[in-house]
Amino acid sequence: MRALPPLTEEERQRYEWQLWVPGWGEAGQQKLKAATVLISRVGGIGGQVAYQLAAAGVGRLILAHAGPVRLSDLNRQLLMTHDWLGKPRVECAARRLRELNPAVDIVAVPENISEKNVAALVAQAEVVVDAAPLFEERFLMNREAVRQRKPMVECAMYDLTAHVTTILPGQTACLACLCPEKPPDWKREFPVVGAVSGLAGCLGAMEVCKLITGVGEPLRNRLLQCDLRTMAFKTLRTRRAPQCAVCGGMA
C-alpha cells in the first residue's frame, strides 16, 4: 500500500470545511490528493465534474476533449469562456481549473476517447468518469474500465432528466448490461439546459469522492434518475447481465 502524501498547512485551510465531514478528515483528503481521475469530455457534465473535483482537491485530473469552443457551448459548459471562442476547449478548461486550484495537476488531452488512446488513458487513473455525448465513446470507456477493473462513474442527461450510476467491474452491472446497443434514434445534438447537466456533474463528482475517500455508499447496482420537470428523484436497482459481452462471466 503506497504512502499517502501529507497535507500542507495551506491545504488544511483550503479544505477545512470538508475535513469536518464525518469520516472524511485528513485521511480522506490525503486519499484525494493522491488520486488521479480521468474525465471523458469536459462539456456541460464533465466540466462540472472537473470543477468540483478540482475544488475538492483531487491531486491529478486528466481531461480528454477535442475541438474548439463554440458559442452554443456557453449555455452549459461553464469551464468555457466567451474570450476563448474558436480555441481548444480542453485548454480553456485547464486554464480555469488551474485558476481555481493551482495545487491540482491538470493534464489536458486535446483528443476524444478512441480505440487509439483509451487503454493508455484509463491506465493512468484510479477512477474514470464518462460524460461523453456519443455512445461510441461511452462503450469504449466502459469496455476498457471493465478490462482494467477501474471504477467508472457514468453521468448522462437529456432534456430535463439526469442519470448517474457507478460501475464497479465484477461487482455491478456495466454500461453494456444496461444498454447493450446504441439507441437507433440517438442524435449527437439534443435538448440541454445547463442546470441539468450541472446537476448530473455534481452528483458524479460526489460519487468519485465517495469512491476515493470511502465516505458514504456509492451507487452500487443502483441507477439514480432525476426528472427536473417534476423534481422527482428515484433510484432503480440494476443487475449484471450474465451474457453481457463486456463483463459476462467476470468474477
C-alpha atoms as a PDB file:
ATOM      1  CA  MET A   1       0.000   0.000   0.000  1.00  0.00           C
ATOM      2  CA  ARG A   2       1.520   3.319  -1.055  1.00  0.00           C
ATOM      3  CA  ALA A   3       2.123   6.073   1.480  1.00  0.00           C
ATOM      4  CA  LEU A   4      -0.337   8.947   1.267  1.00  0.00           C
ATOM      5  CA  PRO A   5       1.056  12.454   0.689  1.00  0.00           C
ATOM      6  CA  PRO A   6       0.863  14.754   3.714  1.00  0.00           C
ATOM      7  CA  LEU A   7      -1.259  17.892   3.642  1.00  0.00           C
ATOM      8  CA  THR A   8       0.360  21.303   3.743  1.00  0.00           C
ATOM      9  CA  GLU A   9      -0.925  23.983   6.073  1.00  0.00           C
ATOM     10  CA  GLU A  10      -2.356  25.806   3.070  1.00  0.00           C
ATOM     11  CA  GLU A  11      -4.256  22.670   2.061  1.00  0.00           C
ATOM     12  CA  ARG A  12      -5.653  22.266   5.564  1.00  0.00           C
ATOM     13  CA  GLN A  13      -7.002  25.794   5.326  1.00  0.00           C
ATOM     14  CA  ARG A  14      -8.323  25.380   1.770  1.00  0.00           C
ATOM     15  CA  TYR A  15     -10.213  22.165   2.554  1.00  0.00           C
ATOM     16  CA  GLU A  16     -11.059  22.965   6.174  1.00  0.00           C
ATOM     17  CA  TRP A  17     -14.826  22.758   5.824  1.00  0.00           C
ATOM     18  CA  GLN A  18     -14.850  19.386   4.073  1.00  0.00           C
ATOM     19  CA  LEU A  19     -12.370  17.994   6.611  1.00  0.00           C
ATOM     20  CA  TRP A  20     -15.207  18.391   9.122  1.00  0.00           C
ATOM     21  CA  VAL A  21     -17.357  15.837   7.249  1.00  0.00           C
ATOM     22  CA  PRO A  22     -17.641  12.741   9.488  1.00  0.00           C
ATOM     23  CA  GLY A  23     -15.350  10.009   8.181  1.00  0.00           C
ATOM     24  CA  TRP A  24     -13.544  12.355   5.782  1.00  0.00           C
ATOM     25  CA  GLY A  25     -10.883  14.144   7.825  1.00  0.00           C
ATOM     26  CA  GLU A  26      -7.237  14.431   6.867  1.00  0.00           C
ATOM     27  CA  ALA A  27      -7.006  10.773   5.810  1.00  0.00           C
ATOM     28  CA  GLY A  28      -9.788  11.222   3.260  1.00  0.00           C
ATOM     29  CA  GLN A  29      -8.216  14.419   1.981  1.00  0.00           C
ATOM     30  CA  GLN A  30      -4.869  12.687   1.596  1.00  0.00           C
ATOM     31  CA  LYS A  31      -6.541   9.978  -0.483  1.00  0.00           C
ATOM     32  CA  LEU A  32      -7.989  12.659  -2.768  1.00  0.00           C
ATOM     33  CA  LYS A  33      -4.588  14.334  -3.074  1.00  0.00           C
ATOM     34  CA  ALA A  34      -3.008  11.023  -4.090  1.00  0.00           C
ATOM     35  CA  ALA A  35      -5.692  10.161  -6.666  1.00  0.00           C
ATOM     36  CA  THR A  36      -5.826  10.542 -10.444  1.00  0.00           C
ATOM     37  CA  VAL A  37      -9.202  10.821 -12.189  1.00  0.00           C
ATOM     38  CA  LEU A  38      -9.804  10.625 -15.932  1.00  0.00           C
ATOM     39  CA  ILE A  39     -12.771  12.602 -17.309  1.00  0.00           C
ATOM     40  CA  SER A  40     -14.011  11.902 -20.816  1.00  0.00           C
ATOM     41  CA  ARG A  41     -15.271  15.264 -22.157  1.00  0.00           C
ATOM     42  CA  VAL A  42     -15.383  18.447 -20.102  1.00  0.00           C
ATOM     43  CA  GLY A  43     -18.576  19.929 -21.500  1.00  0.00           C
ATOM     44  CA  GLY A  44     -21.762  20.540 -19.539  1.00  0.00           C
ATOM     45  CA  ILE A  45     -21.464  17.428 -17.367  1.00  0.00           C
ATOM     46  CA  GLY A  46     -17.771  16.623 -17.390  1.00  0.00           C
ATOM     47  CA  GLY A  47     -16.774  20.242 -16.882  1.00  0.00           C
ATOM     48  CA  GLN A  48     -18.812  20.364 -13.691  1.00  0.00           C
ATOM     49  CA  VAL A  49     -17.285  17.071 -12.532  1.00  0.00           C
ATOM     50  CA  ALA A  50     -13.812  18.506 -13.146  1.00  0.00           C
ATOM     51  CA  TYR A  51     -14.627  21.781 -11.401  1.00  0.00           C
ATOM     52  CA  GLN A  52     -15.947  20.087  -8.274  1.00  0.00           C
ATOM     53  CA  LEU A  53     -13.073  17.605  -8.108  1.00  0.00           C
ATOM     54  CA  ALA A  54     -10.503  20.373  -8.511  1.00  0.00           C
ATOM     55  CA  ALA A  55     -12.203  22.329  -5.747  1.00  0.00           C
ATOM     56  CA  ALA A  56     -12.278  19.220  -3.552  1.00  0.00           C
ATOM     57  CA  GLY A  57      -8.540  18.644  -4.009  1.00  0.00           C
ATOM     58  CA  VAL A  58      -8.180  15.593  -6.250  1.00  0.00           C
ATOM     59  CA  GLY A  59      -4.457  15.566  -6.969  1.00  0.00           C
ATOM     60  CA  ARG A  60      -4.470  14.923 -10.717  1.00  0.00           C
ATOM     61  CA  LEU A  61      -7.171  15.350 -13.337  1.00  0.00           C
ATOM     62  CA  ILE A  62      -6.802  14.029 -16.877  1.00  0.00           C
ATOM     63  CA  LEU A  63      -9.196  15.816 -19.234  1.00  0.00           C
ATOM     64  CA  ALA A  64      -9.877  14.315 -22.671  1.00  0.00           C
ATOM     65  CA  HIS A  65     -11.784  16.572 -25.077  1.00  0.00           C
ATOM     66  CA  ALA A  66     -11.164  17.624 -28.673  1.00  0.00           C
ATOM     67  CA  GLY A  67     -12.394  20.645 -30.604  1.00  0.00           C
ATOM     68  CA  PRO A  68     -12.718  24.411 -30.169  1.00  0.00           C
ATOM     69  CA  VAL A  69     -15.112  26.409 -28.017  1.00  0.00           C
ATOM     70  CA  ARG A  70     -18.311  27.357 -29.854  1.00  0.00           C
ATOM     71  CA  LEU A  71     -20.846  29.997 -28.915  1.00  0.00           C
ATOM     72  CA  SER A  72     -23.544  27.337 -28.489  1.00  0.00           C
ATOM     73  CA  ASP A  73     -21.411  25.659 -25.785  1.00  0.00           C
ATOM     74  CA  LEU A  74     -21.703  28.554 -23.383  1.00  0.00           C
ATOM     75  CA  ASN A  75     -25.182  27.836 -22.019  1.00  0.00           C
ATOM     76  CA  ARG A  76     -23.828  24.812 -20.150  1.00  0.00           C
ATOM     77  CA  GLN A  77     -20.039  24.391 -20.438  1.00  0.00           C
ATOM     78  CA  LEU A  78     -19.065  26.560 -17.506  1.00  0.00           C
ATOM     79  CA  LEU A  79     -15.328  25.990 -17.885  1.00  0.00           C
ATOM     80  CA  MET A  80     -15.520  27.707 -21.286  1.00  0.00           C
ATOM     81  CA  THR A  81     -15.415  31.471 -21.706  1.00  0.00           C
ATOM     82  CA  HIS A  82     -16.514  33.893 -24.413  1.00  0.00           C
ATOM     83  CA  ASP A  83     -12.976  35.163 -24.980  1.00  0.00           C
ATOM     84  CA  TRP A  84     -11.894  31.585 -25.831  1.00  0.00           C
ATOM     85  CA  LEU A  85     -14.250  31.125 -28.818  1.00  0.00           C
ATOM     86  CA  GLY A  86     -12.522  29.207 -31.592  1.00  0.00           C
ATOM     87  CA  LYS A  87      -9.717  27.995 -29.319  1.00  0.00           C
ATOM     88  CA  PRO A  88      -9.285  24.445 -27.911  1.00  0.00           C
ATOM     89  CA  ARG A  89     -11.891  23.574 -25.288  1.00  0.00           C
ATOM     90  CA  VAL A  90      -9.575  21.470 -23.170  1.00  0.00           C
ATOM     91  CA  GLU A  91      -7.033  24.301 -22.847  1.00  0.00           C
ATOM     92  CA  CYS A  92      -9.729  26.685 -21.636  1.00  0.00           C
ATOM     93  CA  ALA A  93     -10.913  24.084 -19.110  1.00  0.00           C
ATOM     94  CA  ALA A  94      -7.372  23.513 -17.861  1.00  0.00           C
ATOM     95  CA  ARG A  95      -6.745  27.256 -17.513  1.00  0.00           C
ATOM     96  CA  ARG A  96      -9.907  27.759 -15.460  1.00  0.00           C
ATOM     97  CA  LEU A  97      -9.198  24.807 -13.190  1.00  0.00           C
ATOM     98  CA  ARG A  98      -5.643  25.981 -12.529  1.00  0.00           C
ATOM     99  CA  GLU A  99      -7.012  29.391 -11.582  1.00  0.00           C
ATOM    100  CA  LEU A 100      -9.398  27.703  -9.143  1.00  0.00           C
ATOM    101  CA  ASN A 101      -6.826  25.410  -7.544  1.00  0.00           C
ATOM    102  CA  PRO A 102      -3.187  25.689  -8.661  1.00  0.00           C
ATOM    103  CA  ALA A 103      -2.240  22.719  -6.468  1.00  0.00           C
ATOM    104  CA  VAL A 104      -4.108  20.285  -8.742  1.00  0.00           C
ATOM    105  CA  ASP A 105      -2.132  18.741 -11.610  1.00  0.00           C
ATOM    106  CA  ILE A 106      -4.224  19.231 -14.768  1.00  0.00           C
ATOM    107  CA  VAL A 107      -3.358  17.079 -17.785  1.00  0.00           C
ATOM    108  CA  ALA A 108      -5.097  18.418 -20.900  1.00  0.00           C
ATOM    109  CA  VAL A 109      -5.507  15.861 -23.695  1.00  0.00           C
ATOM    110  CA  PRO A 110      -6.891  17.507 -26.889  1.00  0.00           C
ATOM    111  CA  GLU A 111      -8.471  14.240 -28.058  1.00  0.00           C
ATOM    112  CA  ASN A 112     -11.766  12.456 -27.573  1.00  0.00           C
ATOM    113  CA  ILE A 113     -11.721   8.879 -26.338  1.00  0.00           C
ATOM    114  CA  SER A 114     -10.913   6.492 -29.187  1.00  0.00           C
ATOM    115  CA  GLU A 115      -9.604   2.983 -29.803  1.00  0.00           C
ATOM    116  CA  LYS A 116      -6.149   4.527 -30.142  1.00  0.00           C
ATOM    117  CA  ASN A 117      -5.937   6.236 -26.748  1.00  0.00           C
ATOM    118  CA  VAL A 118      -8.478   4.626 -24.415  1.00  0.00           C
ATOM    119  CA  ALA A 119      -6.244   1.936 -22.901  1.00  0.00           C
ATOM    120  CA  ALA A 120      -3.387   4.328 -22.096  1.00  0.00           C
ATOM    121  CA  LEU A 121      -5.672   6.989 -20.619  1.00  0.00           C
ATOM    122  CA  VAL A 122      -7.652   4.605 -18.414  1.00  0.00           C
ATOM    123  CA  ALA A 123      -4.408   3.012 -17.200  1.00  0.00           C
ATOM    124  CA  GLN A 124      -3.291   6.331 -15.680  1.00  0.00           C
ATOM    125  CA  ALA A 125      -6.352   6.768 -13.434  1.00  0.00           C
ATOM    126  CA  GLU A 126      -7.788   5.203 -10.286  1.00  0.00           C
ATOM    127  CA  VAL A 127     -11.313   6.312 -11.258  1.00  0.00           C
ATOM    128  CA  VAL A 128     -12.760   7.230 -14.644  1.00  0.00           C
ATOM    129  CA  VAL A 129     -15.756   9.452 -15.374  1.00  0.00           C
ATOM    130  CA  ASP A 130     -17.811   9.018 -18.511  1.00  0.00           C
ATOM    131  CA  ALA A 131     -19.526  12.225 -19.634  1.00  0.00           C
ATOM    132  CA  ALA A 132     -19.336  11.826 -23.423  1.00  0.00           C
ATOM    133  CA  PRO A 133     -22.310  12.670 -25.682  1.00  0.00           C
ATOM    134  CA  LEU A 134     -21.552   9.809 -28.085  1.00  0.00           C
ATOM    135  CA  PHE A 135     -22.369   6.203 -27.260  1.00  0.00           C
ATOM    136  CA  GLU A 136     -19.307   5.037 -29.184  1.00  0.00           C
ATOM    137  CA  GLU A 137     -17.099   6.795 -26.649  1.00  0.00           C
ATOM    138  CA  ARG A 138     -19.157   5.579 -23.720  1.00  0.00           C
ATOM    139  CA  PHE A 139     -18.922   1.972 -24.866  1.00  0.00           C
ATOM    140  CA  LEU A 140     -15.140   2.268 -25.304  1.00  0.00           C
ATOM    141  CA  MET A 141     -14.722   3.741 -21.820  1.00  0.00           C
ATOM    142  CA  ASN A 142     -16.920   1.044 -20.315  1.00  0.00           C
ATOM    143  CA  ARG A 143     -15.098  -1.799 -22.074  1.00  0.00           C
ATOM    144  CA  GLU A 144     -11.679  -0.532 -21.030  1.00  0.00           C
ATOM    145  CA  ALA A 145     -12.675   0.292 -17.456  1.00  0.00           C
ATOM    146  CA  VAL A 146     -14.060  -3.219 -17.064  1.00  0.00           C
ATOM    147  CA  ARG A 147     -10.963  -4.778 -18.657  1.00  0.00           C
ATOM    148  CA  GLN A 148      -8.651  -2.852 -16.324  1.00  0.00           C
ATOM    149  CA  ARG A 149     -11.047  -3.222 -13.379  1.00  0.00           C
ATOM    150  CA  LYS A 150     -11.234   0.520 -12.810  1.00  0.00           C
ATOM    151  CA  PRO A 151     -14.381   2.001 -11.231  1.00  0.00           C
ATOM    152  CA  MET A 152     -16.311   4.219 -13.621  1.00  0.00           C
ATOM    153  CA  VAL A 153     -18.885   6.863 -12.796  1.00  0.00           C
ATOM    154  CA  GLU A 154     -21.446   7.107 -15.585  1.00  0.00           C
ATOM    155  CA  CYS A 155     -23.162  10.515 -15.924  1.00  0.00           C
ATOM    156  CA  ALA A 156     -25.760  11.413 -18.542  1.00  0.00           C
ATOM    157  CA  MET A 157     -28.566  13.870 -19.234  1.00  0.00           C
ATOM    158  CA  TYR A 158     -31.195  14.630 -21.833  1.00  0.00           C
ATOM    159  CA  ASP A 159     -33.681  17.492 -21.856  1.00  0.00           C
ATOM    160  CA  LEU A 160     -34.639  17.926 -18.170  1.00  0.00           C
ATOM    161  CA  THR A 161     -33.577  14.490 -16.951  1.00  0.00           C
ATOM    162  CA  ALA A 162     -30.296  13.298 -15.474  1.00  0.00           C
ATOM    163  CA  HIS A 163     -28.943   9.800 -14.790  1.00  0.00           C
ATOM    164  CA  VAL A 164     -25.968   8.729 -12.679  1.00  0.00           C
ATOM    165  CA  THR A 165     -24.618   5.319 -11.688  1.00  0.00           C
ATOM    166  CA  THR A 166     -21.316   3.833 -10.573  1.00  0.00           C
ATOM    167  CA  ILE A 167     -19.817   0.802 -12.277  1.00  0.00           C
ATOM    168  CA  LEU A 168     -17.559  -1.471 -10.234  1.00  0.00           C
ATOM    169  CA  PRO A 169     -16.189  -4.154 -12.573  1.00  0.00           C
ATOM    170  CA  GLY A 170     -17.017  -7.663 -11.415  1.00  0.00           C
ATOM    171  CA  GLN A 171     -19.438  -6.345  -8.771  1.00  0.00           C
ATOM    172  CA  THR A 172     -22.080  -4.325 -10.591  1.00  0.00           C
ATOM    173  CA  ALA A 173     -23.812  -4.050 -13.931  1.00  0.00           C
ATOM    174  CA  CYS A 174     -21.640  -2.355 -16.532  1.00  0.00           C
ATOM    175  CA  LEU A 175     -22.901   0.056 -19.173  1.00  0.00           C
ATOM    176  CA  ALA A 176     -23.261  -2.751 -21.706  1.00  0.00           C
ATOM    177  CA  CYS A 177     -25.523  -4.625 -19.269  1.00  0.00           C
ATOM    178  CA  LEU A 178     -27.807  -1.598 -19.054  1.00  0.00           C
ATOM    179  CA  CYS A 179     -27.539  -0.518 -22.696  1.00  0.00           C
ATOM    180  CA  PRO A 180     -26.148  -3.254 -24.990  1.00  0.00           C
ATOM    181  CA  GLU A 181     -26.513  -1.145 -28.138  1.00  0.00           C
ATOM    182  CA  LYS A 182     -26.674   2.479 -29.159  1.00  0.00           C
ATOM    183  CA  PRO A 183     -30.313   3.660 -29.298  1.00  0.00           C
ATOM    184  CA  PRO A 184     -31.265   3.755 -33.000  1.00  0.00           C
ATOM    185  CA  ASP A 185     -32.703   7.277 -32.833  1.00  0.00           C
ATOM    186  CA  TRP A 186     -29.844   8.852 -30.833  1.00  0.00           C
ATOM    187  CA  LYS A 187     -28.530  12.164 -32.197  1.00  0.00           C
ATOM    188  CA  ARG A 188     -25.293  13.974 -31.366  1.00  0.00           C
ATOM    189  CA  GLU A 189     -27.172  17.209 -30.591  1.00  0.00           C
ATOM    190  CA  PHE A 190     -30.105  17.176 -28.192  1.00  0.00           C
ATOM    191  CA  PRO A 191     -32.004  19.461 -25.759  1.00  0.00           C
ATOM    192  CA  VAL A 192     -29.787  20.709 -22.916  1.00  0.00           C
ATOM    193  CA  VAL A 193     -30.375  23.095 -20.035  1.00  0.00           C
ATOM    194  CA  GLY A 194     -27.157  23.924 -18.234  1.00  0.00           C
ATOM    195  CA  ALA A 195     -28.581  23.453 -14.743  1.00  0.00           C
ATOM    196  CA  VAL A 196     -29.497  19.853 -15.583  1.00  0.00           C
ATOM    197  CA  SER A 197     -26.049  18.934 -16.874  1.00  0.00           C
ATOM    198  CA  GLY A 198     -24.585  20.752 -13.869  1.00  0.00           C
ATOM    199  CA  LEU A 199     -26.676  18.634 -11.502  1.00  0.00           C
ATOM    200  CA  ALA A 200     -25.519  15.429 -13.203  1.00  0.00           C
ATOM    201  CA  GLY A 201     -21.915  16.612 -12.943  1.00  0.00           C
ATOM    202  CA  CYS A 202     -22.164  17.483  -9.251  1.00  0.00           C
ATOM    203  CA  LEU A 203     -23.700  14.100  -8.477  1.00  0.00           C
ATOM    204  CA  GLY A 204     -20.983  12.392 -10.487  1.00  0.00           C
ATOM    205  CA  ALA A 205     -18.262  14.308  -8.653  1.00  0.00           C
ATOM    206  CA  MET A 206     -19.735  13.217  -5.325  1.00  0.00           C
ATOM    207  CA  GLU A 207     -19.641   9.603  -6.470  1.00  0.00           C
ATOM    208  CA  VAL A 208     -15.950   9.991  -7.301  1.00  0.00           C
ATOM    209  CA  CYS A 209     -15.235  11.499  -3.877  1.00  0.00           C
ATOM    210  CA  LYS A 210     -17.042   8.614  -2.180  1.00  0.00           C
ATOM    211  CA  LEU A 211     -15.097   6.030  -4.153  1.00  0.00           C
ATOM    212  CA  ILE A 212     -11.757   7.631  -3.269  1.00  0.00           C
ATOM    213  CA  THR A 213     -12.355   8.563   0.378  1.00  0.00           C
ATOM    214  CA  GLY A 214     -14.568   5.624   1.347  1.00  0.00           C
ATOM    215  CA  VAL A 215     -17.137   8.026   2.823  1.00  0.00           C
ATOM    216  CA  GLY A 216     -20.774   7.094   2.173  1.00  0.00           C
ATOM    217  CA  GLU A 217     -22.237   4.471  -0.165  1.00  0.00           C
ATOM    218  CA  PRO A 218     -21.734   4.797  -3.939  1.00  0.00           C
ATOM    219  CA  LEU A 219     -24.492   3.996  -6.420  1.00  0.00           C
ATOM    220  CA  ARG A 220     -23.509   0.330  -6.467  1.00  0.00           C
ATOM    221  CA  ASN A 221     -26.079  -1.620  -8.526  1.00  0.00           C
ATOM    222  CA  ARG A 222     -28.302   1.456  -8.462  1.00  0.00           C
ATOM    223  CA  LEU A 223     -29.224   3.982 -11.145  1.00  0.00           C
ATOM    224  CA  LEU A 224     -30.282   7.428  -9.957  1.00  0.00           C
ATOM    225  CA  GLN A 225     -32.875   9.087 -12.199  1.00  0.00           C
ATOM    226  CA  CYS A 226     -33.714  12.769 -11.787  1.00  0.00           C
ATOM    227  CA  ASP A 227     -36.703  14.326 -13.568  1.00  0.00           C
ATOM    228  CA  LEU A 228     -36.351  18.070 -13.100  1.00  0.00           C
ATOM    229  CA  ARG A 229     -39.685  18.855 -14.748  1.00  0.00           C
ATOM    230  CA  THR A 230     -41.409  17.463 -11.686  1.00  0.00           C
ATOM    231  CA  MET A 231     -38.450  17.304  -9.268  1.00  0.00           C
ATOM    232  CA  ALA A 232     -38.980  13.543  -8.998  1.00  0.00           C
ATOM    233  CA  PHE A 233     -35.916  11.574  -7.955  1.00  0.00           C
ATOM    234  CA  LYS A 234     -35.870   7.784  -7.895  1.00  0.00           C
ATOM    235  CA  THR A 235     -33.306   5.044  -7.605  1.00  0.00           C
ATOM    236  CA  LEU A 236     -33.651   1.900  -9.699  1.00  0.00           C
ATOM    237  CA  ARG A 237     -31.971  -1.394  -8.887  1.00  0.00           C
ATOM    238  CA  THR A 238     -29.669  -2.723 -11.592  1.00  0.00           C
ATOM    239  CA  ARG A 239     -28.160  -6.160 -12.097  1.00  0.00           C
ATOM    240  CA  ARG A 240     -25.443  -7.701 -14.195  1.00  0.00           C
ATOM    241  CA  ALA A 241     -26.457  -9.458 -17.400  1.00  0.00           C
ATOM    242  CA  PRO A 242     -24.934 -12.969 -17.319  1.00  0.00           C
ATOM    243  CA  GLN A 243     -24.472 -12.959 -21.079  1.00  0.00           C
ATOM    244  CA  CYS A 244     -23.051  -9.418 -21.255  1.00  0.00           C
ATOM    245  CA  ALA A 245     -20.439  -9.201 -24.000  1.00  0.00           C
ATOM    246  CA  VAL A 246     -18.252  -6.941 -21.819  1.00  0.00           C
ATOM    247  CA  CYS A 247     -18.483  -8.181 -18.224  1.00  0.00           C
ATOM    248  CA  GLY A 248     -20.314 -11.522 -18.507  1.00  0.00           C
ATOM    249  CA  GLY A 249     -18.521 -14.219 -16.560  1.00  0.00           C
ATOM    250  CA  MET A 250     -16.224 -11.787 -14.746  1.00  0.00           C
ATOM    251  CA  ALA A 251     -15.679 -12.743 -11.093  1.00  0.00           C
END
